[in-house]
């Protein structure tokens, strides 16, 4: 069960052609993000989403 999701596609896609990466986020193969693309994906990810509200029980 998930409480949140991250839309990485929205973060790196081309606004004029949403089927493609923005040029600065494309590694060149049009399939994988570049280093800048991965950095952008990291910027939109909220680390607080990984923290649960209740302490873990073992």
PDB file of N, CA and C in Angstrom:
ATOM      1  N   UNK A   1       0.847  -1.161   0.000  1.00  0.00           N
ATOM      2  CA  UNK A   1       0.000   0.000   0.000  1.00  0.00           C
ATOM      3  C   UNK A   1       0.899   1.233   0.000  1.00  0.00           C
ATOM      4  N   UNK A   2       0.551   2.190  -0.808  1.00  0.00           N
ATOM      5  CA  UNK A   2       1.337   3.408  -0.913  1.00  0.00           C
ATOM      6  C   UNK A   2       0.505   4.606  -0.488  1.00  0.00           C
ATOM      7  N   UNK A   3       1.165   5.550   0.155  1.00  0.00           N
ATOM      8  CA  UNK A   3       0.500   6.774   0.582  1.00  0.00           C
ATOM      9  C   UNK A   3       0.756   7.930  -0.373  1.00  0.00           C
ATOM     10  N   UNK A   4       1.743   7.761  -1.261  1.00  0.00           N
ATOM     11  CA  UNK A   4       2.106   8.855  -2.165  1.00  0.00           C
ATOM     12  C   UNK A   4       2.748   8.285  -3.420  1.00  0.00           C
ATOM     13  N   UNK A   5       2.882   9.133  -4.407  1.00  0.00           N
ATOM     14  CA  UNK A   5       3.604   8.748  -5.613  1.00  0.00           C
ATOM     15  C   UNK A   5       4.356   9.963  -6.125  1.00  0.00           C
ATOM     16  N   UNK A   6       5.344   9.705  -6.971  1.00  0.00           N
ATOM     17  CA  UNK A   6       6.136  10.770  -7.565  1.00  0.00           C
ATOM     18  C   UNK A   6       5.994  10.655  -9.073  1.00  0.00           C
ATOM     19  N   UNK A   7       5.593  11.722  -9.718  1.00  0.00           N
ATOM     20  CA  UNK A   7       5.431  11.725 -11.170  1.00  0.00           C
ATOM     21  C   UNK A   7       6.732  12.205 -11.812  1.00  0.00           C
ATOM     22  N   UNK A   8       7.688  11.271 -11.963  1.00  0.00           N
ATOM     23  CA  UNK A   8       8.969  11.624 -12.560  1.00  0.00           C
ATOM     24  C   UNK A   8       8.800  12.038 -14.016  1.00  0.00           C
ATOM     25  N   UNK A   9       7.846  11.437 -14.709  1.00  0.00           N
ATOM     26  CA  UNK A   9       7.600  11.800 -16.103  1.00  0.00           C
ATOM     27  C   UNK A   9       7.281  13.281 -16.223  1.00  0.00           C
ATOM     28  N   UNK A  10       6.436  13.755 -15.361  1.00  0.00           N
ATOM     29  CA  UNK A  10       6.048  15.172 -15.392  1.00  0.00           C
ATOM     30  C   UNK A  10       7.257  16.075 -15.148  1.00  0.00           C
ATOM     31  N   UNK A  11       8.187  15.617 -14.327  1.00  0.00           N
ATOM     32  CA  UNK A  11       9.358  16.423 -13.983  1.00  0.00           C
ATOM     33  C   UNK A  11      10.339  16.579 -15.134  1.00  0.00           C
ATOM     34  N   UNK A  12      10.413  15.598 -16.032  1.00  0.00           N
ATOM     35  CA  UNK A  12      11.461  15.620 -17.061  1.00  0.00           C
ATOM     36  C   UNK A  12      10.943  15.660 -18.495  1.00  0.00           C
ATOM     37  N   UNK A  13       9.638  15.595 -18.699  1.00  0.00           N
ATOM     38  CA  UNK A  13       9.129  15.543 -20.075  1.00  0.00           C
ATOM     39  C   UNK A  13       9.141  16.921 -20.738  1.00  0.00           C
ATOM     40  N   UNK A  14       9.150  16.888 -22.037  1.00  0.00           N
ATOM     41  CA  UNK A  14       9.117  18.090 -22.863  1.00  0.00           C
ATOM     42  C   UNK A  14       7.690  18.629 -22.879  1.00  0.00           C
ATOM     43  N   UNK A  15       7.515  19.886 -22.549  1.00  0.00           N
ATOM     44  CA  UNK A  15       6.187  20.484 -22.516  1.00  0.00           C
ATOM     45  C   UNK A  15       5.523  20.580 -23.880  1.00  0.00           C
ATOM     46  N   UNK A  16       6.332  20.624 -24.932  1.00  0.00           N
ATOM     47  CA  UNK A  16       5.783  20.720 -26.287  1.00  0.00           C
ATOM     48  C   UNK A  16       5.524  19.358 -26.906  1.00  0.00           C
ATOM     49  N   UNK A  17       6.266  18.356 -26.477  1.00  0.00           N
ATOM     50  CA  UNK A  17       6.074  16.983 -26.961  1.00  0.00           C
ATOM     51  C   UNK A  17       6.205  16.057 -25.762  1.00  0.00           C
ATOM     52  N   UNK A  18       5.112  15.820 -25.035  1.00  0.00           N
ATOM     53  CA  UNK A  18       5.177  15.064 -23.779  1.00  0.00           C
ATOM     54  C   UNK A  18       5.625  13.613 -23.929  1.00  0.00           C
ATOM     55  N   UNK A  19       5.809  13.155 -25.157  1.00  0.00           N
ATOM     56  CA  UNK A  19       6.325  11.794 -25.357  1.00  0.00           C
ATOM     57  C   UNK A  19       7.842  11.754 -25.262  1.00  0.00           C
ATOM     58  N   UNK A  20       8.468  12.919 -25.133  1.00  0.00           N
ATOM     59  CA  UNK A  20       9.930  13.005 -25.110  1.00  0.00           C
ATOM     60  C   UNK A  20      10.422  13.681 -23.830  1.00  0.00           C
ATOM     61  N   UNK A  21      11.700  13.424 -23.519  1.00  0.00           N
ATOM     62  CA  UNK A  21      12.374  14.163 -22.455  1.00  0.00           C
ATOM     63  C   UNK A  21      12.622  15.597 -22.922  1.00  0.00           C
ATOM     64  N   UNK A  22      12.709  16.522 -21.982  1.00  0.00           N
ATOM     65  CA  UNK A  22      13.261  17.833 -22.320  1.00  0.00           C
ATOM     66  C   UNK A  22      14.706  17.600 -22.733  1.00  0.00           C
ATOM     67  N   UNK A  23      15.209  18.384 -23.652  1.00  0.00           N
ATOM     68  CA  UNK A  23      16.548  18.166 -24.216  1.00  0.00           C
ATOM     69  C   UNK A  23      17.608  18.062 -23.128  1.00  0.00           C
ATOM     70  N   UNK A  24      17.558  18.931 -22.136  1.00  0.00           N
ATOM     71  CA  UNK A  24      18.593  18.926 -21.096  1.00  0.00           C
ATOM     72  C   UNK A  24      18.495  17.717 -20.162  1.00  0.00           C
ATOM     73  N   UNK A  25      17.391  16.992 -20.214  1.00  0.00           N
ATOM     74  CA  UNK A  25      17.216  15.824 -19.351  1.00  0.00           C
ATOM     75  C   UNK A  25      17.360  14.504 -20.102  1.00  0.00           C
ATOM     76  N   UNK A  26      17.657  14.552 -21.384  1.00  0.00           N
ATOM     77  CA  UNK A  26      17.774  13.356 -22.226  1.00  0.00           C
ATOM     78  C   UNK A  26      19.228  12.904 -22.289  1.00  0.00           C
ATOM     79  N   UNK A  27      19.478  11.618 -22.072  1.00  0.00           N
ATOM     80  CA  UNK A  27      20.841  11.080 -22.132  1.00  0.00           C
ATOM     81  C   UNK A  27      21.356  10.978 -23.555  1.00  0.00           C
ATOM     82  N   UNK A  28      20.467  11.083 -24.510  1.00  0.00           N
ATOM     83  CA  UNK A  28      20.853  10.970 -25.910  1.00  0.00           C
ATOM     84  C   UNK A  28      20.221   9.778 -26.595  1.00  0.00           C
ATOM     85  N   UNK A  29      19.786   8.795 -25.810  1.00  0.00           N
ATOM     86  CA  UNK A  29      19.147   7.620 -26.418  1.00  0.00           C
ATOM     87  C   UNK A  29      17.624   7.744 -26.440  1.00  0.00           C
ATOM     88  N   UNK A  30      17.109   8.843 -25.924  1.00  0.00           N
ATOM     89  CA  UNK A  30      15.663   9.125 -25.878  1.00  0.00           C
ATOM     90  C   UNK A  30      14.888   8.100 -25.044  1.00  0.00           C
ATOM     91  N   UNK A  31      15.606   7.389 -24.185  1.00  0.00           N
ATOM     92  CA  UNK A  31      14.980   6.366 -23.349  1.00  0.00           C
ATOM     93  C   UNK A  31      15.323   6.553 -21.874  1.00  0.00           C
ATOM     94  N   UNK A  32      16.556   6.991 -21.598  1.00  0.00           N
ATOM     95  CA  UNK A  32      17.031   7.138 -20.222  1.00  0.00           C
ATOM     96  C   UNK A  32      17.347   8.601 -19.928  1.00  0.00           C
ATOM     97  N   UNK A  33      17.126   9.032 -18.689  1.00  0.00           N
ATOM     98  CA  UNK A  33      17.463  10.407 -18.326  1.00  0.00           C
ATOM     99  C   UNK A  33      18.977  10.613 -18.269  1.00  0.00           C
ATOM    100  N   UNK A  34      19.380  11.846 -18.488  1.00  0.00           N
ATOM    101  CA  UNK A  34      20.779  12.235 -18.327  1.00  0.00           C
ATOM    102  C   UNK A  34      21.053  12.453 -16.838  1.00  0.00           C
ATOM    103  N   UNK A  35      22.305  12.798 -16.509  1.00  0.00           N
ATOM    104  CA  UNK A  35      22.619  13.118 -15.116  1.00  0.00           C
ATOM    105  C   UNK A  35      21.762  14.284 -14.625  1.00  0.00           C
ATOM    106  N   UNK A  36      21.559  15.270 -15.489  1.00  0.00           N
ATOM    107  CA  UNK A  36      20.693  16.398 -15.113  1.00  0.00           C
ATOM    108  C   UNK A  36      19.252  15.938 -14.934  1.00  0.00           C
ATOM    109  N   UNK A  37      18.832  14.975 -15.738  1.00  0.00           N
ATOM    110  CA  UNK A  37      17.485  14.432 -15.598  1.00  0.00           C
ATOM    111  C   UNK A  37      17.299  13.731 -14.260  1.00  0.00           C
ATOM    112  N   UNK A  38      18.306  12.924 -13.882  1.00  0.00           N
ATOM    113  CA  UNK A  38      18.230  12.249 -12.581  1.00  0.00           C
ATOM    114  C   UNK A  38      18.261  13.266 -11.444  1.00  0.00           C
ATOM    115  N   UNK A  39      19.061  14.320 -11.602  1.00  0.00           N
ATOM    116  CA  UNK A  39      19.102  15.362 -10.571  1.00  0.00           C
ATOM    117  C   UNK A  39      17.730  16.021 -10.433  1.00  0.00           C
ATOM    118  N   UNK A  40      17.088  16.290 -11.563  1.00  0.00           N
ATOM    119  CA  UNK A  40      15.745  16.894 -11.526  1.00  0.00           C
ATOM    120  C   UNK A  40      14.750  15.966 -10.842  1.00  0.00           C
ATOM    121  N   UNK A  41      14.853  14.683 -11.134  1.00  0.00           N
ATOM    122  CA  UNK A  41      13.965  13.715 -10.496  1.00  0.00           C
ATOM    123  C   UNK A  41      14.166  13.727  -8.985  1.00  0.00           C
ATOM    124  N   UNK A  42      15.412  13.862  -8.556  1.00  0.00           N
ATOM    125  CA  UNK A  42      15.693  13.939  -7.128  1.00  0.00           C
ATOM    126  C   UNK A  42      15.131  15.192  -6.484  1.00  0.00           C
ATOM    127  N   UNK A  43      15.083  16.278  -7.246  1.00  0.00           N
ATOM    128  CA  UNK A  43      14.552  17.538  -6.710  1.00  0.00           C
ATOM    129  C   UNK A  43      13.054  17.465  -6.434  1.00  0.00           C
ATOM    130  N   UNK A  44      12.331  16.686  -7.211  1.00  0.00           N
ATOM    131  CA  UNK A  44      10.873  16.635  -7.030  1.00  0.00           C
ATOM    132  C   UNK A  44      10.443  15.560  -6.038  1.00  0.00           C
ATOM    133  N   UNK A  45      11.376  14.731  -5.600  1.00  0.00           N
ATOM    134  CA  UNK A  45      11.049  13.665  -4.658  1.00  0.00           C
ATOM    135  C   UNK A  45      11.091  14.214  -3.246  1.00  0.00           C
ATOM    136  N   UNK A  46      10.013  14.069  -2.522  1.00  0.00           N
ATOM    137  CA  UNK A  46       9.909  14.560  -1.150  1.00  0.00           C
ATOM    138  C   UNK A  46      10.358  13.469  -0.183  1.00  0.00           C
ATOM    139  N   UNK A  47      11.525  13.649   0.419  1.00  0.00           N
ATOM    140  CA  UNK A  47      12.042  12.637   1.342  1.00  0.00           C
ATOM    141  C   UNK A  47      11.144  12.442   2.555  1.00  0.00           C
ATOM    142  N   UNK A  48      10.388  13.452   2.916  1.00  0.00           N
ATOM    143  CA  UNK A  48       9.467  13.305   4.049  1.00  0.00           C
ATOM    144  C   UNK A  48       8.403  12.248   3.773  1.00  0.00           C
ATOM    145  N   UNK A  49       8.154  11.960   2.498  1.00  0.00           N
ATOM    146  CA  UNK A  49       7.165  10.934   2.150  1.00  0.00           C
ATOM    147  C   UNK A  49       7.616   9.547   2.599  1.00  0.00           C
ATOM    148  N   UNK A  50       8.913   9.379   2.823  1.00  0.00           N
ATOM    149  CA  UNK A  50       9.430   8.083   3.267  1.00  0.00           C
ATOM    150  C   UNK A  50       9.326   7.888   4.771  1.00  0.00           C
ATOM    151  N   UNK A  51       9.105   8.970   5.476  1.00  0.00           N
ATOM    152  CA  UNK A  51       9.023   8.881   6.935  1.00  0.00           C
ATOM    153  C   UNK A  51       7.591   8.552   7.338  1.00  0.00           C
ATOM    154  N   UNK A  52       7.444   7.499   8.065  1.00  0.00           N
ATOM    155  CA  UNK A  52       6.113   7.111   8.518  1.00  0.00           C
ATOM    156  C   UNK A  52       5.664   7.949   9.696  1.00  0.00           C
ATOM    157  N   UNK A  53       4.391   7.924   9.949  1.00  0.00           N
ATOM    158  CA  UNK A  53       3.851   8.687  11.055  1.00  0.00           C
ATOM    159  C   UNK A  53       3.935   7.958  12.385  1.00  0.00           C
ATOM    160  N   UNK A  54       4.075   6.640  12.330  1.00  0.00           N
ATOM    161  CA  UNK A  54       4.137   5.838  13.557  1.00  0.00           C
ATOM    162  C   UNK A  54       5.496   5.155  13.642  1.00  0.00           C
ATOM    163  N   UNK A  55       5.989   4.939  14.850  1.00  0.00           N
ATOM    164  CA  UNK A  55       7.271   4.246  14.982  1.00  0.00           C
ATOM    165  C   UNK A  55       7.162   2.793  14.508  1.00  0.00           C
ATOM    166  N   UNK A  56       8.254   2.291  13.991  1.00  0.00           N
ATOM    167  CA  UNK A  56       8.274   0.900  13.523  1.00  0.00           C
ATOM    168  C   UNK A  56       8.231  -0.052  14.708  1.00  0.00           C
ATOM    169  N   UNK A  57       7.511  -1.146  14.534  1.00  0.00           N
ATOM    170  CA  UNK A  57       7.455  -2.173  15.576  1.00  0.00           C
ATOM    171  C   UNK A  57       8.115  -3.425  15.038  1.00  0.00           C
ATOM    172  N   UNK A  58       8.927  -4.029  15.843  1.00  0.00           N
ATOM    173  CA  UNK A  58       9.593  -5.273  15.444  1.00  0.00           C
ATOM    174  C   UNK A  58       8.941  -6.465  16.074  1.00  0.00           C
TER     175      UNK A  58
END
